[in-house]
């Protein structure tokens, strides 16, 4: 996970803009938010940035939103290991 990249995306774009970039990437293979990467990586990073930005709009600080993202990723990974 590229924290600096997620921070920058979350600062620069609204959740709606990030969602638009995800939709555009899926439909055309291009977007204005993040470029020059594989579609899988772009969707992955934009989805994380969208989550962080949503949390920021709920009142979380950027650092706390990133911590919450990391916590949830660890939770999913832990669940996957048990399966």
PDB file of N, CA and C in Angstrom:
ATOM      1  N   UNK A   1       0.853  -1.172   0.000  1.00  0.00           N
ATOM      2  CA  UNK A   1       0.000   0.000   0.000  1.00  0.00           C
ATOM      3  C   UNK A   1       0.895   1.230   0.000  1.00  0.00           C
ATOM      4  N   UNK A   2       0.650   2.129  -0.912  1.00  0.00           N
ATOM      5  CA  UNK A   2       1.423   3.363  -1.015  1.00  0.00           C
ATOM      6  C   UNK A   2       0.714   4.467  -0.219  1.00  0.00           C
ATOM      7  N   UNK A   3       1.125   4.643   1.033  1.00  0.00           N
ATOM      8  CA  UNK A   3       0.465   5.596   1.926  1.00  0.00           C
ATOM      9  C   UNK A   3       0.508   7.014   1.367  1.00  0.00           C
ATOM     10  N   UNK A   4       1.661   7.447   0.893  1.00  0.00           N
ATOM     11  CA  UNK A   4       1.774   8.820   0.383  1.00  0.00           C
ATOM     12  C   UNK A   4       0.831   9.043  -0.801  1.00  0.00           C
ATOM     13  N   UNK A   5       0.731   8.054  -1.655  1.00  0.00           N
ATOM     14  CA  UNK A   5      -0.153   8.165  -2.811  1.00  0.00           C
ATOM     15  C   UNK A   5      -1.617   8.233  -2.369  1.00  0.00           C
ATOM     16  N   UNK A   6      -1.986   7.415  -1.403  1.00  0.00           N
ATOM     17  CA  UNK A   6      -3.361   7.430  -0.893  1.00  0.00           C
ATOM     18  C   UNK A   6      -3.658   8.763  -0.223  1.00  0.00           C
ATOM     19  N   UNK A   7      -2.705   9.278   0.563  1.00  0.00           N
ATOM     20  CA  UNK A   7      -2.885  10.588   1.200  1.00  0.00           C
ATOM     21  C   UNK A   7      -3.137  11.667   0.155  1.00  0.00           C
ATOM     22  N   UNK A   8      -2.312  11.689  -0.869  1.00  0.00           N
ATOM     23  CA  UNK A   8      -2.430  12.713  -1.910  1.00  0.00           C
ATOM     24  C   UNK A   8      -3.770  12.617  -2.631  1.00  0.00           C
ATOM     25  N   UNK A   9      -4.173  11.423  -2.982  1.00  0.00           N
ATOM     26  CA  UNK A   9      -5.463  11.242  -3.659  1.00  0.00           C
ATOM     27  C   UNK A   9      -6.615  11.682  -2.764  1.00  0.00           C
ATOM     28  N   UNK A  10      -6.551  11.319  -1.487  1.00  0.00           N
ATOM     29  CA  UNK A  10      -7.616  11.683  -0.552  1.00  0.00           C
ATOM     30  C   UNK A  10      -7.685  13.193  -0.339  1.00  0.00           C
ATOM     31  N   UNK A  11      -6.552  13.855  -0.392  1.00  0.00           N
ATOM     32  CA  UNK A  11      -6.532  15.322  -0.248  1.00  0.00           C
ATOM     33  C   UNK A  11      -7.057  16.020  -1.504  1.00  0.00           C
ATOM     34  N   UNK A  12      -6.654  15.523  -2.658  1.00  0.00           N
ATOM     35  CA  UNK A  12      -6.942  16.216  -3.926  1.00  0.00           C
ATOM     36  C   UNK A  12      -8.364  16.034  -4.442  1.00  0.00           C
ATOM     37  N   UNK A  13      -8.954  14.870  -4.194  1.00  0.00           N
ATOM     38  CA  UNK A  13     -10.227  14.558  -4.834  1.00  0.00           C
ATOM     39  C   UNK A  13     -11.325  14.282  -3.819  1.00  0.00           C
ATOM     40  N   UNK A  14     -12.550  14.629  -4.194  1.00  0.00           N
ATOM     41  CA  UNK A  14     -13.710  14.312  -3.368  1.00  0.00           C
ATOM     42  C   UNK A  14     -14.042  12.830  -3.556  1.00  0.00           C
ATOM     43  N   UNK A  15     -14.850  12.262  -2.657  1.00  0.00           N
ATOM     44  CA  UNK A  15     -15.260  10.870  -2.857  1.00  0.00           C
ATOM     45  C   UNK A  15     -15.934  10.648  -4.211  1.00  0.00           C
ATOM     46  N   UNK A  16     -16.726  11.607  -4.632  1.00  0.00           N
ATOM     47  CA  UNK A  16     -17.419  11.484  -5.913  1.00  0.00           C
ATOM     48  C   UNK A  16     -16.437  11.492  -7.084  1.00  0.00           C
ATOM     49  N   UNK A  17     -15.413  12.331  -6.997  1.00  0.00           N
ATOM     50  CA  UNK A  17     -14.395  12.365  -8.050  1.00  0.00           C
ATOM     51  C   UNK A  17     -13.607  11.050  -8.096  1.00  0.00           C
ATOM     52  N   UNK A  18     -13.280  10.533  -6.930  1.00  0.00           N
ATOM     53  CA  UNK A  18     -12.560   9.263  -6.883  1.00  0.00           C
ATOM     54  C   UNK A  18     -13.433   8.154  -7.454  1.00  0.00           C
ATOM     55  N   UNK A  19     -14.690   8.141  -7.082  1.00  0.00           N
ATOM     56  CA  UNK A  19     -15.614   7.144  -7.621  1.00  0.00           C
ATOM     57  C   UNK A  19     -15.715   7.266  -9.132  1.00  0.00           C
ATOM     58  N   UNK A  20     -15.729   8.493  -9.639  1.00  0.00           N
ATOM     59  CA  UNK A  20     -15.742   8.720 -11.084  1.00  0.00           C
ATOM     60  C   UNK A  20     -14.491   8.181 -11.751  1.00  0.00           C
ATOM     61  N   UNK A  21     -13.353   8.345 -11.104  1.00  0.00           N
ATOM     62  CA  UNK A  21     -12.100   7.808 -11.645  1.00  0.00           C
ATOM     63  C   UNK A  21     -12.119   6.288 -11.682  1.00  0.00           C
ATOM     64  N   UNK A  22     -12.687   5.673 -10.655  1.00  0.00           N
ATOM     65  CA  UNK A  22     -12.806   4.217 -10.634  1.00  0.00           C
ATOM     66  C   UNK A  22     -13.693   3.751 -11.787  1.00  0.00           C
ATOM     67  N   UNK A  23     -14.840   4.401 -11.942  1.00  0.00           N
ATOM     68  CA  UNK A  23     -15.769   4.031 -13.017  1.00  0.00           C
ATOM     69  C   UNK A  23     -15.134   4.240 -14.386  1.00  0.00           C
ATOM     70  N   UNK A  24     -14.441   5.347 -14.554  1.00  0.00           N
ATOM     71  CA  UNK A  24     -13.778   5.650 -15.823  1.00  0.00           C
ATOM     72  C   UNK A  24     -12.687   4.625 -16.131  1.00  0.00           C
ATOM     73  N   UNK A  25     -11.912   4.251 -15.106  1.00  0.00           N
ATOM     74  CA  UNK A  25     -10.860   3.248 -15.293  1.00  0.00           C
ATOM     75  C   UNK A  25     -11.465   1.917 -15.728  1.00  0.00           C
ATOM     76  N   UNK A  26     -12.558   1.543 -15.097  1.00  0.00           N
ATOM     77  CA  UNK A  26     -13.191   0.269 -15.437  1.00  0.00           C
ATOM     78  C   UNK A  26     -13.797   0.282 -16.842  1.00  0.00           C
ATOM     79  N   UNK A  27     -14.339   1.427 -17.240  1.00  0.00           N
ATOM     80  CA  UNK A  27     -15.002   1.466 -18.551  1.00  0.00           C
ATOM     81  C   UNK A  27     -14.058   1.774 -19.707  1.00  0.00           C
ATOM     82  N   UNK A  28     -13.052   2.618 -19.484  1.00  0.00           N
ATOM     83  CA  UNK A  28     -12.190   3.028 -20.605  1.00  0.00           C
ATOM     84  C   UNK A  28     -10.728   2.629 -20.438  1.00  0.00           C
ATOM     85  N   UNK A  29     -10.340   2.254 -19.211  1.00  0.00           N
ATOM     86  CA  UNK A  29      -8.942   1.936 -18.960  1.00  0.00           C
ATOM     87  C   UNK A  29      -8.098   3.161 -18.667  1.00  0.00           C
ATOM     88  N   UNK A  30      -8.729   4.328 -18.507  1.00  0.00           N
ATOM     89  CA  UNK A  30      -8.018   5.576 -18.207  1.00  0.00           C
ATOM     90  C   UNK A  30      -8.793   6.357 -17.157  1.00  0.00           C
ATOM     91  N   UNK A  31      -8.096   7.235 -16.437  1.00  0.00           N
ATOM     92  CA  UNK A  31      -8.746   8.123 -15.473  1.00  0.00           C
ATOM     93  C   UNK A  31      -7.836   9.306 -15.203  1.00  0.00           C
ATOM     94  N   UNK A  32      -8.373  10.344 -14.581  1.00  0.00           N
ATOM     95  CA  UNK A  32      -7.578  11.549 -14.311  1.00  0.00           C
ATOM     96  C   UNK A  32      -6.922  11.534 -12.930  1.00  0.00           C
ATOM     97  N   UNK A  33      -7.308  10.607 -12.069  1.00  0.00           N
ATOM     98  CA  UNK A  33      -6.796  10.594 -10.701  1.00  0.00           C
ATOM     99  C   UNK A  33      -5.430   9.940 -10.579  1.00  0.00           C
ATOM    100  N   UNK A  34      -5.234   8.832 -11.246  1.00  0.00           N
ATOM    101  CA  UNK A  34      -4.027   8.026 -11.090  1.00  0.00           C
ATOM    102  C   UNK A  34      -3.732   7.381 -12.434  1.00  0.00           C
ATOM    103  N   UNK A  35      -2.496   7.477 -12.872  1.00  0.00           N
ATOM    104  CA  UNK A  35      -2.150   6.993 -14.212  1.00  0.00           C
ATOM    105  C   UNK A  35      -0.924   6.097 -14.196  1.00  0.00           C
ATOM    106  N   UNK A  36      -0.669   5.522 -15.361  1.00  0.00           N
ATOM    107  CA  UNK A  36       0.554   4.761 -15.618  1.00  0.00           C
ATOM    108  C   UNK A  36       0.742   3.564 -14.690  1.00  0.00           C
ATOM    109  N   UNK A  37      -0.326   2.916 -14.344  1.00  0.00           N
ATOM    110  CA  UNK A  37      -0.268   1.715 -13.521  1.00  0.00           C
ATOM    111  C   UNK A  37      -1.229   0.695 -14.118  1.00  0.00           C
ATOM    112  N   UNK A  38      -1.177  -0.514 -13.619  1.00  0.00           N
ATOM    113  CA  UNK A  38      -2.121  -1.530 -14.060  1.00  0.00           C
ATOM    114  C   UNK A  38      -3.513  -1.178 -13.518  1.00  0.00           C
ATOM    115  N   UNK A  39      -4.534  -1.611 -14.220  1.00  0.00           N
ATOM    116  CA  UNK A  39      -5.904  -1.329 -13.783  1.00  0.00           C
ATOM    117  C   UNK A  39      -6.143  -1.871 -12.384  1.00  0.00           C
ATOM    118  N   UNK A  40      -5.639  -3.049 -12.098  1.00  0.00           N
ATOM    119  CA  UNK A  40      -5.828  -3.646 -10.772  1.00  0.00           C
ATOM    120  C   UNK A  40      -5.241  -2.750  -9.681  1.00  0.00           C
ATOM    121  N   UNK A  41      -4.037  -2.265  -9.885  1.00  0.00           N
ATOM    122  CA  UNK A  41      -3.395  -1.396  -8.891  1.00  0.00           C
ATOM    123  C   UNK A  41      -4.136  -0.066  -8.771  1.00  0.00           C
ATOM    124  N   UNK A  42      -4.563   0.491  -9.893  1.00  0.00           N
ATOM    125  CA  UNK A  42      -5.287   1.763  -9.866  1.00  0.00           C
ATOM    126  C   UNK A  42      -6.576   1.629  -9.065  1.00  0.00           C
ATOM    127  N   UNK A  43      -7.359   0.591  -9.340  1.00  0.00           N
ATOM    128  CA  UNK A  43      -8.624   0.389  -8.621  1.00  0.00           C
ATOM    129  C   UNK A  43      -8.339   0.171  -7.141  1.00  0.00           C
ATOM    130  N   UNK A  44      -7.321  -0.580  -6.823  1.00  0.00           N
ATOM    131  CA  UNK A  44      -6.942  -0.842  -5.434  1.00  0.00           C
ATOM    132  C   UNK A  44      -6.608   0.460  -4.703  1.00  0.00           C
ATOM    133  N   UNK A  45      -5.736   1.264  -5.273  1.00  0.00           N
ATOM    134  CA  UNK A  45      -5.321   2.512  -4.623  1.00  0.00           C
ATOM    135  C   UNK A  45      -6.463   3.526  -4.545  1.00  0.00           C
ATOM    136  N   UNK A  46      -7.251   3.641  -5.618  1.00  0.00           N
ATOM    137  CA  UNK A  46      -8.371   4.580  -5.594  1.00  0.00           C
ATOM    138  C   UNK A  46      -9.426   4.159  -4.578  1.00  0.00           C
ATOM    139  N   UNK A  47      -9.651   2.878  -4.435  1.00  0.00           N
ATOM    140  CA  UNK A  47     -10.625   2.399  -3.446  1.00  0.00           C
ATOM    141  C   UNK A  47     -10.174   2.742  -2.031  1.00  0.00           C
ATOM    142  N   UNK A  48      -8.897   2.586  -1.763  1.00  0.00           N
ATOM    143  CA  UNK A  48      -8.367   2.947  -0.452  1.00  0.00           C
ATOM    144  C   UNK A  48      -8.475   4.451  -0.225  1.00  0.00           C
ATOM    145  N   UNK A  49      -8.150   5.229  -1.244  1.00  0.00           N
ATOM    146  CA  UNK A  49      -8.248   6.689  -1.129  1.00  0.00           C
ATOM    147  C   UNK A  49      -9.693   7.109  -0.905  1.00  0.00           C
ATOM    148  N   UNK A  50     -10.622   6.441  -1.560  1.00  0.00           N
ATOM    149  CA  UNK A  50     -12.045   6.755  -1.387  1.00  0.00           C
ATOM    150  C   UNK A  50     -12.455   6.505   0.068  1.00  0.00           C
ATOM    151  N   UNK A  51     -12.032   5.375   0.624  1.00  0.00           N
ATOM    152  CA  UNK A  51     -12.347   5.065   2.017  1.00  0.00           C
ATOM    153  C   UNK A  51     -11.786   6.139   2.946  1.00  0.00           C
ATOM    154  N   UNK A  52     -10.527   6.498   2.744  1.00  0.00           N
ATOM    155  CA  UNK A  52      -9.883   7.508   3.594  1.00  0.00           C
ATOM    156  C   UNK A  52     -10.614   8.831   3.474  1.00  0.00           C
ATOM    157  N   UNK A  53     -10.945   9.232   2.263  1.00  0.00           N
ATOM    158  CA  UNK A  53     -11.634  10.509   2.066  1.00  0.00           C
ATOM    159  C   UNK A  53     -13.022  10.491   2.710  1.00  0.00           C
ATOM    160  N   UNK A  54     -13.734   9.384   2.593  1.00  0.00           N
ATOM    161  CA  UNK A  54     -15.040   9.260   3.251  1.00  0.00           C
ATOM    162  C   UNK A  54     -14.897   9.443   4.762  1.00  0.00           C
ATOM    163  N   UNK A  55     -13.873   8.820   5.338  1.00  0.00           N
ATOM    164  CA  UNK A  55     -13.654   8.952   6.772  1.00  0.00           C
ATOM    165  C   UNK A  55     -13.320  10.397   7.151  1.00  0.00           C
ATOM    166  N   UNK A  56     -12.535  11.055   6.315  1.00  0.00           N
ATOM    167  CA  UNK A  56     -12.194  12.461   6.579  1.00  0.00           C
ATOM    168  C   UNK A  56     -13.450  13.325   6.551  1.00  0.00           C
ATOM    169  N   UNK A  57     -14.340  13.035   5.643  1.00  0.00           N
ATOM    170  CA  UNK A  57     -15.572  13.824   5.567  1.00  0.00           C
ATOM    171  C   UNK A  57     -16.502  13.546   6.741  1.00  0.00           C
ATOM    172  N   UNK A  58     -16.276  12.443   7.438  1.00  0.00           N
ATOM    173  CA  UNK A  58     -17.032  12.130   8.654  1.00  0.00           C
ATOM    174  C   UNK A  58     -16.397  12.761   9.891  1.00  0.00           C
ATOM    175  N   UNK A  59     -15.261  13.449   9.707  1.00  0.00           N
ATOM    176  CA  UNK A  59     -14.626  14.136  10.816  1.00  0.00           C
ATOM    177  C   UNK A  59     -13.317  13.536  11.291  1.00  0.00           C
ATOM    178  N   UNK A  60     -12.893  12.425  10.709  1.00  0.00           N
ATOM    179  CA  UNK A  60     -11.609  11.840  11.073  1.00  0.00           C
ATOM    180  C   UNK A  60     -10.480  12.700  10.514  1.00  0.00           C
ATOM    181  N   UNK A  61      -9.378  12.751  11.231  1.00  0.00           N
ATOM    182  CA  UNK A  61      -8.181  13.385  10.673  1.00  0.00           C
ATOM    183  C   UNK A  61      -7.611  12.438   9.622  1.00  0.00           C
ATOM    184  N   UNK A  62      -6.743  12.961   8.777  1.00  0.00           N
ATOM    185  CA  UNK A  62      -6.130  12.122   7.752  1.00  0.00           C
ATOM    186  C   UNK A  62      -5.391  10.943   8.390  1.00  0.00           C
ATOM    187  N   UNK A  63      -4.617  11.210   9.437  1.00  0.00           N
ATOM    188  CA  UNK A  63      -3.852  10.126  10.071  1.00  0.00           C
ATOM    189  C   UNK A  63      -4.772   9.090  10.712  1.00  0.00           C
ATOM    190  N   UNK A  64      -5.859   9.522  11.345  1.00  0.00           N
ATOM    191  CA  UNK A  64      -6.783   8.565  11.941  1.00  0.00           C
ATOM    192  C   UNK A  64      -7.536   7.775  10.870  1.00  0.00           C
ATOM    193  N   UNK A  65      -7.854   8.406   9.760  1.00  0.00           N
ATOM    194  CA  UNK A  65      -8.513   7.701   8.656  1.00  0.00           C
ATOM    195  C   UNK A  65      -7.580   6.634   8.089  1.00  0.00           C
ATOM    196  N   UNK A  66      -6.293   6.947   7.961  1.00  0.00           N
ATOM    197  CA  UNK A  66      -5.317   5.962   7.486  1.00  0.00           C
ATOM    198  C   UNK A  66      -5.163   4.814   8.478  1.00  0.00           C
ATOM    199  N   UNK A  67      -5.181   5.122   9.752  1.00  0.00           N
ATOM    200  CA  UNK A  67      -5.110   4.064  10.774  1.00  0.00           C
ATOM    201  C   UNK A  67      -6.317   3.140  10.679  1.00  0.00           C
ATOM    202  N   UNK A  68      -7.481   3.721  10.481  1.00  0.00           N
ATOM    203  CA  UNK A  68      -8.696   2.910  10.359  1.00  0.00           C
ATOM    204  C   UNK A  68      -8.635   2.026   9.112  1.00  0.00           C
ATOM    205  N   UNK A  69      -8.136   2.558   8.015  1.00  0.00           N
ATOM    206  CA  UNK A  69      -7.954   1.754   6.804  1.00  0.00           C
ATOM    207  C   UNK A  69      -7.022   0.581   7.094  1.00  0.00           C
ATOM    208  N   UNK A  70      -5.896   0.851   7.718  1.00  0.00           N
ATOM    209  CA  UNK A  70      -4.927  -0.211   8.036  1.00  0.00           C
ATOM    210  C   UNK A  70      -5.535  -1.252   8.966  1.00  0.00           C
ATOM    211  N   UNK A  71      -6.295  -0.803   9.948  1.00  0.00           N
ATOM    212  CA  UNK A  71      -6.936  -1.727  10.888  1.00  0.00           C
ATOM    213  C   UNK A  71      -7.890  -2.655  10.146  1.00  0.00           C
ATOM    214  N   UNK A  72      -8.679  -2.094   9.254  1.00  0.00           N
ATOM    215  CA  UNK A  72      -9.647  -2.908   8.512  1.00  0.00           C
ATOM    216  C   UNK A  72      -8.957  -3.875   7.546  1.00  0.00           C
ATOM    217  N   UNK A  73      -7.877  -3.432   6.942  1.00  0.00           N
ATOM    218  CA  UNK A  73      -7.125  -4.332   6.051  1.00  0.00           C
ATOM    219  C   UNK A  73      -6.568  -5.502   6.857  1.00  0.00           C
ATOM    220  N   UNK A  74      -5.990  -5.218   8.032  1.00  0.00           N
ATOM    221  CA  UNK A  74      -5.468  -6.295   8.880  1.00  0.00           C
ATOM    222  C   UNK A  74      -6.581  -7.247   9.308  1.00  0.00           C
ATOM    223  N   UNK A  75      -7.743  -6.698   9.600  1.00  0.00           N
ATOM    224  CA  UNK A  75      -8.885  -7.517  10.010  1.00  0.00           C
ATOM    225  C   UNK A  75      -9.300  -8.476   8.884  1.00  0.00           C
ATOM    226  N   UNK A  76      -9.360  -7.986   7.669  1.00  0.00           N
ATOM    227  CA  UNK A  76      -9.712  -8.823   6.522  1.00  0.00           C
ATOM    228  C   UNK A  76      -8.635  -9.885   6.300  1.00  0.00           C
ATOM    229  N   UNK A  77      -7.373  -9.489   6.383  1.00  0.00           N
ATOM    230  CA  UNK A  77      -6.283 -10.440   6.190  1.00  0.00           C
ATOM    231  C   UNK A  77      -6.302 -11.524   7.251  1.00  0.00           C
ATOM    232  N   UNK A  78      -6.590 -11.157   8.476  1.00  0.00           N
ATOM    233  CA  UNK A  78      -6.667 -12.120   9.561  1.00  0.00           C
ATOM    234  C   UNK A  78      -7.824 -13.099   9.331  1.00  0.00           C
ATOM    235  N   UNK A  79      -8.941 -12.591   8.869  1.00  0.00           N
ATOM    236  CA  UNK A  79     -10.086 -13.439   8.562  1.00  0.00           C
ATOM    237  C   UNK A  79      -9.757 -14.403   7.433  1.00  0.00           C
ATOM    238  N   UNK A  80      -9.052 -13.910   6.411  1.00  0.00           N
ATOM    239  CA  UNK A  80      -8.698 -14.749   5.259  1.00  0.00           C
ATOM    240  C   UNK A  80      -7.745 -15.872   5.677  1.00  0.00           C
ATOM    241  N   UNK A  81      -6.863 -15.601   6.603  1.00  0.00           N
ATOM    242  CA  UNK A  81      -5.920 -16.624   7.064  1.00  0.00           C
ATOM    243  C   UNK A  81      -6.643 -17.737   7.818  1.00  0.00           C
ATOM    244  N   UNK A  82      -7.732 -17.395   8.489  1.00  0.00           N
ATOM    245  CA  UNK A  82      -8.492 -18.394   9.249  1.00  0.00           C
ATOM    246  C   UNK A  82      -9.318 -19.296   8.344  1.00  0.00           C
ATOM    247  N   UNK A  83      -9.626 -18.823   7.164  1.00  0.00           N
ATOM    248  CA  UNK A  83     -10.483 -19.599   6.249  1.00  0.00           C
ATOM    249  C   UNK A  83      -9.741 -20.697   5.546  1.00  0.00           C
TER     250      UNK A  83
END
